[in-house]
N, C-alpha and C. Protein backbone atom coordinates (compact mmCIF):
# COMPACT_ATOMS: atom_id res chain seq x y z
N UNK A 1 -2.15 0.16 -51.62
CA UNK A 1 -2.63 1.25 -50.76
C UNK A 1 -3.64 1.88 -51.27
N UNK A 2 -3.46 2.36 -52.23
CA UNK A 2 -4.65 3.24 -53.11
C UNK A 2 -6.19 2.18 -52.96
N UNK A 3 -5.87 1.07 -53.18
CA UNK A 3 -7.09 0.13 -53.19
C UNK A 3 -7.95 -0.03 -51.81
N UNK A 4 -7.02 0.31 -50.84
CA UNK A 4 -7.37 0.39 -49.36
C UNK A 4 -8.33 1.43 -49.23
N UNK A 5 -8.06 2.67 -49.70
CA UNK A 5 -8.59 3.84 -49.75
C UNK A 5 -10.17 3.98 -50.41
N UNK A 6 -10.17 3.14 -51.47
CA UNK A 6 -11.38 2.72 -52.46
C UNK A 6 -12.34 1.76 -51.49
N UNK A 7 -11.58 0.57 -51.20
CA UNK A 7 -12.57 -0.47 -50.66
C UNK A 7 -12.65 -0.18 -49.13
N UNK A 8 -12.17 0.32 -48.34
CA UNK A 8 -12.47 0.56 -46.71
C UNK A 8 -13.64 1.25 -46.85
N UNK A 9 -14.13 2.41 -47.70
CA UNK A 9 -15.10 2.97 -47.17
C UNK A 9 -16.70 2.17 -47.60
N UNK A 10 -16.35 1.62 -49.01
CA UNK A 10 -17.47 0.44 -49.28
C UNK A 10 -17.49 -0.65 -48.17
N UNK A 11 -16.53 -1.11 -47.50
CA UNK A 11 -16.80 -1.96 -46.41
C UNK A 11 -17.49 -1.47 -45.30
N UNK A 12 -17.02 -0.38 -44.92
CA UNK A 12 -17.54 0.43 -43.83
C UNK A 12 -18.98 0.53 -43.95
N UNK A 13 -19.23 1.24 -45.18
CA UNK A 13 -20.89 1.35 -45.51
C UNK A 13 -21.85 0.33 -45.27
N UNK A 14 -21.13 -0.83 -46.04
CA UNK A 14 -21.93 -2.42 -45.71
C UNK A 14 -21.90 -2.67 -44.38
N UNK A 15 -20.66 -2.57 -43.78
CA UNK A 15 -20.93 -3.30 -42.21
C UNK A 15 -21.90 -2.08 -41.28
N UNK A 16 -22.23 -1.01 -41.63
CA UNK A 16 -23.33 -0.02 -40.95
C UNK A 16 -24.47 -0.61 -41.47
N UNK A 17 -24.62 -0.69 -42.99
CA UNK A 17 -25.84 -1.40 -43.29
C UNK A 17 -26.48 -2.88 -42.61
N UNK A 18 -25.63 -3.43 -42.56
CA UNK A 18 -25.75 -5.10 -41.89
C UNK A 18 -25.86 -4.54 -40.25
N UNK A 19 -25.24 -3.80 -39.57
CA UNK A 19 -25.84 -3.25 -38.43
C UNK A 19 -26.88 -2.83 -38.23
N UNK A 20 -27.43 -1.86 -38.98
CA UNK A 20 -28.76 -1.57 -39.05
C UNK A 20 -29.76 -2.34 -39.27
N UNK A 21 -29.64 -3.33 -40.06
CA UNK A 21 -30.68 -4.46 -40.51
C UNK A 21 -30.66 -5.29 -39.20
N UNK A 22 -29.73 -5.48 -38.31
CA UNK A 22 -29.53 -6.59 -37.29
C UNK A 22 -30.43 -5.85 -36.10
N UNK A 23 -29.96 -4.53 -35.94
CA UNK A 23 -30.37 -3.73 -34.62
C UNK A 23 -31.57 -2.54 -35.29
N UNK A 24 -31.20 -1.49 -35.35
CA UNK A 24 -32.12 -0.38 -35.79
C UNK A 24 -31.17 0.70 -36.19
N UNK A 25 -31.90 1.90 -36.92
CA UNK A 25 -31.02 2.76 -37.29
C UNK A 25 -30.82 3.86 -35.83
N UNK A 26 -31.79 3.76 -35.03
CA UNK A 26 -31.45 4.47 -33.63
C UNK A 26 -30.24 3.89 -32.84
N UNK A 27 -30.38 2.65 -32.93
CA UNK A 27 -29.25 2.02 -32.14
C UNK A 27 -27.73 2.21 -32.84
N UNK A 28 -27.95 2.20 -34.17
CA UNK A 28 -26.62 2.76 -34.87
C UNK A 28 -26.33 4.05 -34.50
N UNK A 29 -27.22 4.79 -34.58
CA UNK A 29 -26.98 6.02 -34.53
C UNK A 29 -26.32 6.52 -32.96
N UNK A 30 -27.00 6.04 -31.85
CA UNK A 30 -26.66 6.12 -30.56
C UNK A 30 -25.29 5.57 -30.58
N UNK A 31 -25.05 4.48 -31.08
CA UNK A 31 -23.62 3.79 -30.85
C UNK A 31 -22.68 4.81 -31.65
N UNK A 32 -22.67 5.50 -32.66
CA UNK A 32 -22.05 6.37 -33.30
C UNK A 32 -21.69 7.52 -32.50
N UNK A 33 -22.72 8.09 -31.89
CA UNK A 33 -22.68 9.12 -31.03
C UNK A 33 -21.75 8.72 -30.00
N UNK A 34 -22.48 7.83 -29.08
CA UNK A 34 -21.70 7.39 -27.89
C UNK A 34 -20.21 7.09 -28.03
N UNK A 35 -19.78 6.53 -29.17
CA UNK A 35 -18.31 6.28 -29.08
C UNK A 35 -17.65 7.45 -29.70
N UNK A 36 -18.39 8.35 -30.59
CA UNK A 36 -17.65 9.60 -30.78
C UNK A 36 -17.04 10.56 -29.45
N UNK A 37 -18.30 10.59 -28.56
CA UNK A 37 -18.07 11.30 -27.36
C UNK A 37 -17.01 10.67 -26.53
N UNK A 38 -16.93 9.37 -26.33
CA UNK A 38 -16.03 8.75 -25.73
C UNK A 38 -14.62 9.02 -26.49
N UNK A 39 -14.54 8.98 -27.82
CA UNK A 39 -13.21 9.46 -28.33
C UNK A 39 -12.95 10.83 -28.07
N UNK A 40 -13.72 11.65 -28.05
CA UNK A 40 -13.38 12.91 -27.83
C UNK A 40 -12.93 13.37 -26.20
N UNK A 41 -13.72 12.50 -25.56
CA UNK A 41 -13.14 12.61 -23.98
C UNK A 41 -11.79 12.10 -23.85
N UNK A 42 -11.23 10.89 -24.63
CA UNK A 42 -10.14 10.39 -24.25
C UNK A 42 -9.30 11.30 -24.91
N UNK A 43 -9.35 11.96 -26.05
CA UNK A 43 -8.37 12.97 -26.63
C UNK A 43 -8.32 14.06 -25.59
N UNK A 44 -9.51 14.49 -25.26
CA UNK A 44 -8.95 15.74 -24.37
C UNK A 44 -8.41 15.80 -23.11
N UNK A 45 -8.67 14.12 -22.55
CA UNK A 45 -7.84 13.94 -21.39
C UNK A 45 -6.43 13.65 -21.49
N UNK A 46 -5.94 12.79 -22.55
CA UNK A 46 -4.88 12.13 -22.73
C UNK A 46 -4.05 12.85 -23.69
N UNK A 47 -4.67 13.41 -24.70
CA UNK A 47 -4.26 14.11 -25.97
C UNK A 47 -3.20 15.10 -25.71
N UNK A 48 -3.45 16.23 -25.12
CA UNK A 48 -2.62 17.40 -25.06
C UNK A 48 -1.42 16.71 -24.26
N UNK A 49 -1.61 16.32 -23.20
CA UNK A 49 -0.25 16.08 -22.10
C UNK A 49 0.76 14.85 -23.21
N UNK A 50 0.09 14.04 -23.75
CA UNK A 50 1.06 13.24 -24.38
C UNK A 50 1.80 13.98 -25.65
N UNK A 51 1.05 14.54 -26.32
CA UNK A 51 1.94 15.58 -27.48
C UNK A 51 2.86 16.37 -26.95
N UNK A 52 2.64 17.16 -25.69
CA UNK A 52 3.64 17.86 -25.12
C UNK A 52 4.90 17.21 -24.68
N UNK A 53 4.31 16.15 -23.85
CA UNK A 53 5.50 15.25 -23.35
C UNK A 53 6.30 14.36 -24.55
N UNK A 54 5.70 14.11 -25.65
CA UNK A 54 6.46 13.37 -26.63
C UNK A 54 7.49 14.50 -27.21
N UNK A 55 6.88 15.80 -27.88
CA UNK A 55 7.65 16.72 -28.21
C UNK A 55 8.89 17.10 -27.53
N UNK A 56 8.78 17.16 -26.13
CA UNK A 56 9.96 17.54 -25.17
C UNK A 56 11.05 16.78 -25.35
N UNK A 57 10.72 15.30 -25.14
CA UNK A 57 11.62 14.02 -25.45
C UNK A 57 12.22 13.93 -27.03
N UNK A 58 11.56 14.32 -27.93
CA UNK A 58 11.92 14.51 -29.13
C UNK A 58 12.79 15.42 -29.42
N UNK A 59 12.59 16.61 -28.63
CA UNK A 59 13.33 17.62 -28.94
C UNK A 59 14.58 17.55 -28.04
N UNK A 60 14.83 16.61 -27.00
CA UNK A 60 16.31 16.33 -26.60
C UNK A 60 16.66 15.31 -27.07
N UNK A 61 16.36 14.95 -28.32
CA UNK A 61 17.04 13.84 -29.16
C UNK A 61 16.65 12.69 -28.44
N UNK A 62 15.88 12.24 -27.90
CA UNK A 62 15.79 10.88 -26.87
C UNK A 62 14.25 10.28 -27.63
N UNK A 63 14.24 8.93 -27.50
CA UNK A 63 12.96 8.08 -27.59
C UNK A 63 11.84 8.57 -26.80
N UNK A 64 10.63 8.90 -27.14
CA UNK A 64 9.82 9.24 -25.88
C UNK A 64 9.81 7.79 -24.94
N UNK A 65 9.33 7.97 -23.56
CA UNK A 65 9.28 6.93 -22.89
C UNK A 65 8.02 6.08 -22.81
N UNK A 66 7.94 5.11 -22.44
CA UNK A 66 6.74 4.12 -22.62
C UNK A 66 5.60 4.67 -22.38
N UNK A 67 5.48 5.38 -21.21
CA UNK A 67 4.33 6.13 -20.63
C UNK A 67 3.79 7.24 -21.76
N UNK A 68 4.52 7.72 -22.55
CA UNK A 68 4.37 8.88 -23.38
C UNK A 68 3.96 8.23 -24.58
N UNK A 69 4.31 7.06 -24.92
CA UNK A 69 4.11 6.27 -26.18
C UNK A 69 2.73 5.66 -25.94
N UNK A 70 2.37 5.13 -24.82
CA UNK A 70 1.15 4.65 -23.99
C UNK A 70 0.06 5.64 -24.46
N UNK A 71 0.36 6.67 -23.95
CA UNK A 71 -0.65 7.80 -24.05
C UNK A 71 -1.01 8.40 -25.44
N UNK A 72 0.16 8.41 -26.52
CA UNK A 72 0.07 8.75 -27.73
C UNK A 72 -1.04 7.65 -28.49
N UNK A 73 -0.68 6.40 -28.35
CA UNK A 73 -1.32 5.28 -28.84
C UNK A 73 -2.75 5.30 -28.23
N UNK A 74 -3.02 5.81 -27.14
CA UNK A 74 -4.49 5.87 -26.59
C UNK A 74 -5.14 6.98 -27.21
N UNK A 75 -4.21 8.15 -27.40
CA UNK A 75 -4.91 9.38 -27.89
C UNK A 75 -5.32 8.75 -29.66
N UNK A 76 -4.51 7.85 -30.33
CA UNK A 76 -4.77 7.66 -31.69
C UNK A 76 -6.12 6.63 -31.55
N UNK A 77 -6.27 6.00 -30.55
CA UNK A 77 -7.43 5.15 -30.49
C UNK A 77 -8.68 6.01 -30.14
N UNK A 78 -8.43 7.26 -29.54
CA UNK A 78 -9.77 8.25 -29.51
C UNK A 78 -10.10 8.85 -30.84
N UNK A 79 -8.98 9.14 -31.61
CA UNK A 79 -9.29 9.52 -32.62
C UNK A 79 -10.09 8.58 -33.71
N UNK A 80 -9.50 7.37 -33.60
CA UNK A 80 -10.32 6.26 -34.38
C UNK A 80 -11.82 6.04 -33.83
N UNK A 81 -12.02 6.20 -32.73
CA UNK A 81 -13.48 6.24 -32.03
C UNK A 81 -14.12 7.20 -32.54
N UNK A 82 -13.73 8.44 -33.02
CA UNK A 82 -14.66 9.36 -33.54
C UNK A 82 -14.81 9.32 -34.94
N UNK A 83 -14.17 8.42 -35.71
CA UNK A 83 -14.54 8.15 -37.35
C UNK A 83 -15.65 7.40 -37.23
N UNK A 84 -16.74 8.11 -37.88
CA UNK A 84 -18.12 7.02 -38.08
C UNK A 84 -17.91 5.80 -39.15
N UNK A 85 -17.15 4.55 -38.40
CA UNK A 85 -17.21 3.72 -38.97
C UNK A 85 -16.96 2.20 -38.21
N UNK A 86 -17.40 1.29 -38.50
CA UNK A 86 -17.44 -0.02 -37.34
C UNK A 86 -16.14 -0.65 -37.23
N UNK A 87 -15.30 -0.57 -38.54
CA UNK A 87 -13.98 -1.07 -38.26
C UNK A 87 -12.80 -0.30 -37.62
N UNK A 88 -13.24 1.19 -37.89
CA UNK A 88 -12.33 2.06 -37.37
C UNK A 88 -12.77 2.21 -35.64
N UNK A 89 -13.89 1.82 -35.33
CA UNK A 89 -14.08 2.01 -33.89
C UNK A 89 -13.68 0.72 -33.24
N UNK A 90 -13.59 -0.39 -33.86
CA UNK A 90 -12.80 -1.58 -33.59
C UNK A 90 -11.39 -1.22 -33.48
N UNK A 91 -10.94 -0.85 -34.35
CA UNK A 91 -9.50 -0.43 -34.20
C UNK A 91 -9.16 0.41 -33.27
N UNK A 92 -9.86 1.63 -32.93
CA UNK A 92 -9.51 2.35 -31.76
C UNK A 92 -9.88 1.70 -30.57
N UNK A 93 -10.82 0.78 -30.49
CA UNK A 93 -10.90 0.05 -29.00
C UNK A 93 -9.82 -0.69 -28.94
N UNK A 94 -9.07 -1.51 -29.93
CA UNK A 94 -7.80 -2.15 -29.75
C UNK A 94 -6.81 -1.17 -29.30
N UNK A 95 -6.82 -0.08 -29.67
CA UNK A 95 -5.59 0.66 -29.22
C UNK A 95 -5.77 1.33 -27.80
N UNK A 96 -7.12 1.18 -27.48
CA UNK A 96 -7.21 1.73 -26.05
C UNK A 96 -6.92 0.75 -24.87
N UNK A 97 -7.44 -0.69 -25.57
CA UNK A 97 -7.26 -1.97 -24.36
C UNK A 97 -5.78 -1.90 -24.10
N UNK A 98 -5.40 -2.17 -23.00
CA UNK A 98 -4.20 -2.10 -22.55
C UNK A 98 -3.11 -3.25 -23.29
N UNK A 99 -3.55 -4.53 -23.47
CA UNK A 99 -2.89 -5.59 -23.86
C UNK A 99 -2.44 -5.16 -25.47
N UNK A 100 -3.41 -4.94 -26.17
CA UNK A 100 -3.09 -4.32 -27.46
C UNK A 100 -2.40 -3.21 -27.95
N UNK A 101 -2.57 -2.40 -26.73
CA UNK A 101 -1.91 -1.20 -26.95
C UNK A 101 -0.23 -1.18 -26.47
N UNK A 102 -0.13 -2.10 -25.32
CA UNK A 102 1.23 -2.21 -25.44
C UNK A 102 1.90 -2.88 -26.53
N UNK A 103 1.21 -3.70 -27.18
CA UNK A 103 1.98 -4.27 -28.29
C UNK A 103 2.02 -3.27 -29.62
N UNK A 104 1.33 -2.64 -29.36
CA UNK A 104 1.50 -1.51 -30.61
C UNK A 104 2.59 -0.37 -30.10
N UNK A 105 2.81 -0.11 -29.03
CA UNK A 105 3.77 0.82 -28.28
C UNK A 105 5.01 0.06 -28.44
N UNK A 106 5.15 -1.15 -28.41
CA UNK A 106 6.64 -1.85 -28.53
C UNK A 106 6.84 -2.02 -30.22
N UNK A 107 5.84 -2.05 -30.96
CA UNK A 107 6.10 -1.96 -32.43
C UNK A 107 6.42 -0.56 -32.91
N UNK A 108 5.89 0.49 -32.38
CA UNK A 108 6.14 1.73 -32.81
C UNK A 108 7.51 2.01 -32.40
N UNK A 109 8.06 1.67 -31.05
CA UNK A 109 9.17 2.08 -30.60
C UNK A 109 10.48 1.30 -31.34
N UNK A 110 10.17 0.13 -31.68
CA UNK A 110 11.01 -0.64 -32.38
C UNK A 110 11.15 -0.06 -33.89
N UNK A 111 10.07 0.42 -34.79
CA UNK A 111 10.01 1.19 -35.98
C UNK A 111 10.91 2.32 -35.83
N UNK A 112 10.54 3.35 -34.85
CA UNK A 112 11.35 4.48 -34.57
C UNK A 112 12.66 4.39 -34.29
N UNK A 113 13.18 3.37 -33.59
CA UNK A 113 14.62 3.30 -33.39
C UNK A 113 15.11 2.79 -34.80
N UNK A 114 14.56 2.06 -35.69
CA UNK A 114 15.43 1.71 -36.84
C UNK A 114 15.36 2.99 -37.67
N UNK A 115 14.39 3.60 -37.66
CA UNK A 115 14.41 5.13 -38.50
C UNK A 115 15.45 6.31 -38.00
N UNK A 116 15.61 6.31 -36.57
CA UNK A 116 16.55 6.79 -36.14
C UNK A 116 18.04 6.47 -36.30
N UNK A 117 18.06 5.16 -36.36
CA UNK A 117 19.48 4.51 -36.34
C UNK A 117 19.74 4.77 -37.89
N UNK A 118 18.83 4.75 -38.95
CA UNK A 118 19.12 4.80 -40.29
C UNK A 118 19.36 6.61 -40.48
N UNK A 119 19.00 7.50 -39.65
CA UNK A 119 19.28 8.81 -39.81
C UNK A 119 18.06 9.57 -40.84
N UNK A 120 16.92 8.61 -40.91
CA UNK A 120 15.81 9.22 -41.75
C UNK A 120 14.71 9.88 -40.75
N UNK A 121 14.87 10.11 -39.43
CA UNK A 121 13.70 10.49 -38.66
C UNK A 121 14.03 12.09 -38.28
N UNK A 122 12.88 12.89 -38.64
CA UNK A 122 13.23 14.41 -38.36
C UNK A 122 11.74 15.04 -37.35
N UNK A 123 12.36 15.66 -36.66
CA UNK A 123 11.21 16.53 -35.90
C UNK A 123 11.27 18.06 -36.26
N UNK A 124 9.92 18.70 -36.50
CA UNK A 124 9.91 20.17 -36.78
C UNK A 124 9.16 20.56 -35.81
N UNK A 125 9.58 21.73 -35.09
CA UNK A 125 9.24 22.36 -34.07
C UNK A 125 9.27 23.85 -34.31
N UNK A 126 7.93 24.38 -33.97
CA UNK A 126 8.01 25.99 -34.09
C UNK A 126 9.02 26.68 -33.09
N UNK A 127 9.46 27.91 -33.19
CA UNK A 127 10.35 28.47 -32.71
C UNK A 127 9.98 28.72 -31.06
N UNK A 128 8.71 29.00 -30.88
CA UNK A 128 8.30 28.81 -29.58
C UNK A 128 7.83 27.44 -29.01
N UNK A 129 7.93 26.53 -29.68
CA UNK A 129 7.73 25.02 -29.34
C UNK A 129 6.27 24.88 -29.17
N UNK A 130 5.45 25.65 -30.06
CA UNK A 130 3.81 25.35 -29.79
C UNK A 130 3.48 24.15 -30.69
N UNK A 131 4.37 24.22 -31.64
CA UNK A 131 3.86 23.19 -32.75
C UNK A 131 4.51 21.97 -33.00
N UNK A 132 4.00 20.69 -33.57
CA UNK A 132 4.78 19.45 -33.42
C UNK A 132 4.44 18.83 -34.60
N UNK A 133 5.56 18.21 -35.22
CA UNK A 133 5.72 17.32 -36.60
C UNK A 133 6.56 16.56 -36.66
N UNK A 134 6.67 15.09 -36.84
CA UNK A 134 7.59 14.42 -36.97
C UNK A 134 7.45 13.70 -38.38
N UNK A 135 8.10 13.42 -38.79
CA UNK A 135 8.20 12.92 -40.33
C UNK A 135 9.33 11.84 -40.58
N UNK A 136 9.32 11.13 -41.51
CA UNK A 136 10.35 9.91 -42.20
C UNK A 136 10.84 10.50 -43.35
N UNK A 137 12.01 10.97 -43.66
CA UNK A 137 12.49 11.06 -44.95
C UNK A 137 13.40 10.15 -45.13
N UNK A 138 14.11 10.39 -46.55
CA UNK A 138 15.17 9.63 -47.12
C UNK A 138 16.38 10.10 -46.36
N UNK A 139 17.47 9.00 -46.12
CA UNK A 139 18.66 9.25 -45.48
C UNK A 139 19.31 10.76 -46.05
N UNK A 140 19.29 10.88 -47.44
CA UNK A 140 20.04 12.16 -47.64
C UNK A 140 18.92 13.01 -48.41
N UNK A 141 18.44 13.80 -47.53
CA UNK A 141 17.47 14.93 -47.96
C UNK A 141 17.76 15.71 -48.98
N UNK A 142 17.13 16.16 -49.95
CA UNK A 142 17.30 16.77 -51.34
C UNK A 142 17.39 18.47 -50.60
N UNK A 143 18.39 19.13 -51.09
CA UNK A 143 18.32 20.60 -50.62
C UNK A 143 17.30 21.42 -51.46
N UNK A 144 16.56 22.19 -50.81
CA UNK A 144 15.86 23.16 -51.32
C UNK A 144 16.29 24.48 -51.40
N UNK A 145 15.90 25.36 -52.81
CA UNK A 145 16.35 26.60 -52.91
C UNK A 145 15.47 27.40 -51.65
N UNK A 146 16.32 28.29 -51.29
CA UNK A 146 15.76 29.55 -50.30
C UNK A 146 14.78 30.25 -51.04
N UNK A 147 13.42 30.18 -50.90
CA UNK A 147 12.30 31.10 -51.29
C UNK A 147 11.59 31.69 -50.38
N UNK A 148 10.79 32.54 -50.57
CA UNK A 148 9.88 33.18 -49.55
C UNK A 148 8.69 31.86 -49.05
N UNK A 149 8.34 31.17 -50.26
CA UNK A 149 7.57 29.98 -49.89
C UNK A 149 7.92 29.31 -49.05
N UNK A 150 9.40 28.62 -48.95
CA UNK A 150 9.70 27.74 -47.83
C UNK A 150 10.35 28.20 -46.73
N UNK A 151 10.52 29.27 -46.68
CA UNK A 151 11.26 30.00 -45.49
C UNK A 151 10.10 30.30 -44.35
N UNK A 152 10.09 29.74 -43.38
CA UNK A 152 9.32 29.87 -41.94
C UNK A 152 10.12 30.02 -41.03
N UNK A 153 9.52 30.63 -39.92
CA UNK A 153 10.16 30.34 -38.46
C UNK A 153 10.09 29.00 -37.86
N UNK A 154 9.96 28.01 -38.37
CA UNK A 154 10.28 26.53 -37.80
C UNK A 154 11.82 26.54 -37.94
N UNK A 155 12.15 25.51 -36.57
CA UNK A 155 13.52 24.80 -36.40
C UNK A 155 13.25 23.40 -36.96
N UNK A 156 14.21 22.90 -37.32
CA UNK A 156 14.43 21.56 -37.70
C UNK A 156 15.17 21.08 -36.68
N UNK A 157 14.62 19.88 -35.93
CA UNK A 157 15.67 19.34 -34.97
C UNK A 157 15.81 17.78 -35.58
N UNK A 158 17.28 17.52 -35.95
CA UNK A 158 17.39 16.04 -36.18
C UNK A 158 18.09 15.27 -35.30
N UNK A 159 17.44 14.10 -35.31
CA UNK A 159 17.80 13.22 -34.32
C UNK A 159 18.86 12.19 -34.84
N UNK A 160 20.00 12.20 -34.08
CA UNK A 160 21.06 11.60 -34.57
C UNK A 160 21.32 10.05 -34.35
N UNK A 161 21.83 9.04 -35.12
CA UNK A 161 21.75 7.60 -34.58
C UNK A 161 22.17 7.63 -33.25
N UNK A 162 23.11 8.33 -32.81
CA UNK A 162 23.67 7.93 -31.36
C UNK A 162 22.78 8.36 -30.49
N UNK A 163 21.54 9.14 -30.70
CA UNK A 163 20.56 9.40 -29.94
C UNK A 163 19.63 7.87 -29.30
N UNK A 164 20.09 7.02 -29.79
CA UNK A 164 18.94 5.87 -29.60
C UNK A 164 19.28 5.27 -28.41
N UNK A 165 20.75 5.50 -27.99
CA UNK A 165 21.10 4.73 -26.68
C UNK A 165 20.43 5.76 -25.31
N UNK A 166 20.08 4.82 -24.60
CA UNK A 166 19.44 5.28 -23.36
C UNK A 166 20.42 6.05 -22.22
N UNK A 167 20.15 7.25 -21.87
CA UNK A 167 21.23 7.56 -20.77
C UNK A 167 20.66 7.61 -19.34
N UNK A 168 21.09 7.34 -18.55
CA UNK A 168 20.72 7.22 -16.97
C UNK A 168 20.21 8.62 -16.55
N UNK A 169 19.06 8.62 -16.05
CA UNK A 169 18.55 9.83 -15.43
C UNK A 169 19.27 10.36 -14.30
N UNK A 170 19.68 11.82 -14.41
CA UNK A 170 20.37 12.39 -12.73
C UNK A 170 19.06 12.73 -12.04
N UNK A 171 19.07 12.26 -10.89
CA UNK A 171 17.79 12.37 -9.94
C UNK A 171 18.46 13.25 -8.75
């Protein structure tokens, strides 16, 4: 994995070099700026609503709905479009396109179901619900000592394995 962080920037720089050799510097610059603006537009349109609805569903100990997951993956595609690299822009475009986005949503839901079933998925939210952070931990987390450094106003919401079942909605 560490090798990926070394090789990926080298490959990205070489790809930009080849792109500039085939087209021109100004074409590469315009392509980078245009896709960055497109990514920012996607994030501003889709991102906030996706994070709020995903946080709410996880707070209720449920897997996010497919539409929420689609929005989240679309937002990630927008983030990859902002990153100035040809491969990251290609991956971002794959996350935005419907066919590959639905495949990614299916994979993420499958992965999250396994993590929830094993009891190693936790959601951290602020008291007022403004913040959101989800993480994967070991099934038996280590206890930390109470100290001023790790005491905060955050609530920990643990998603139990029985929450994987889908409950019918009352309309």
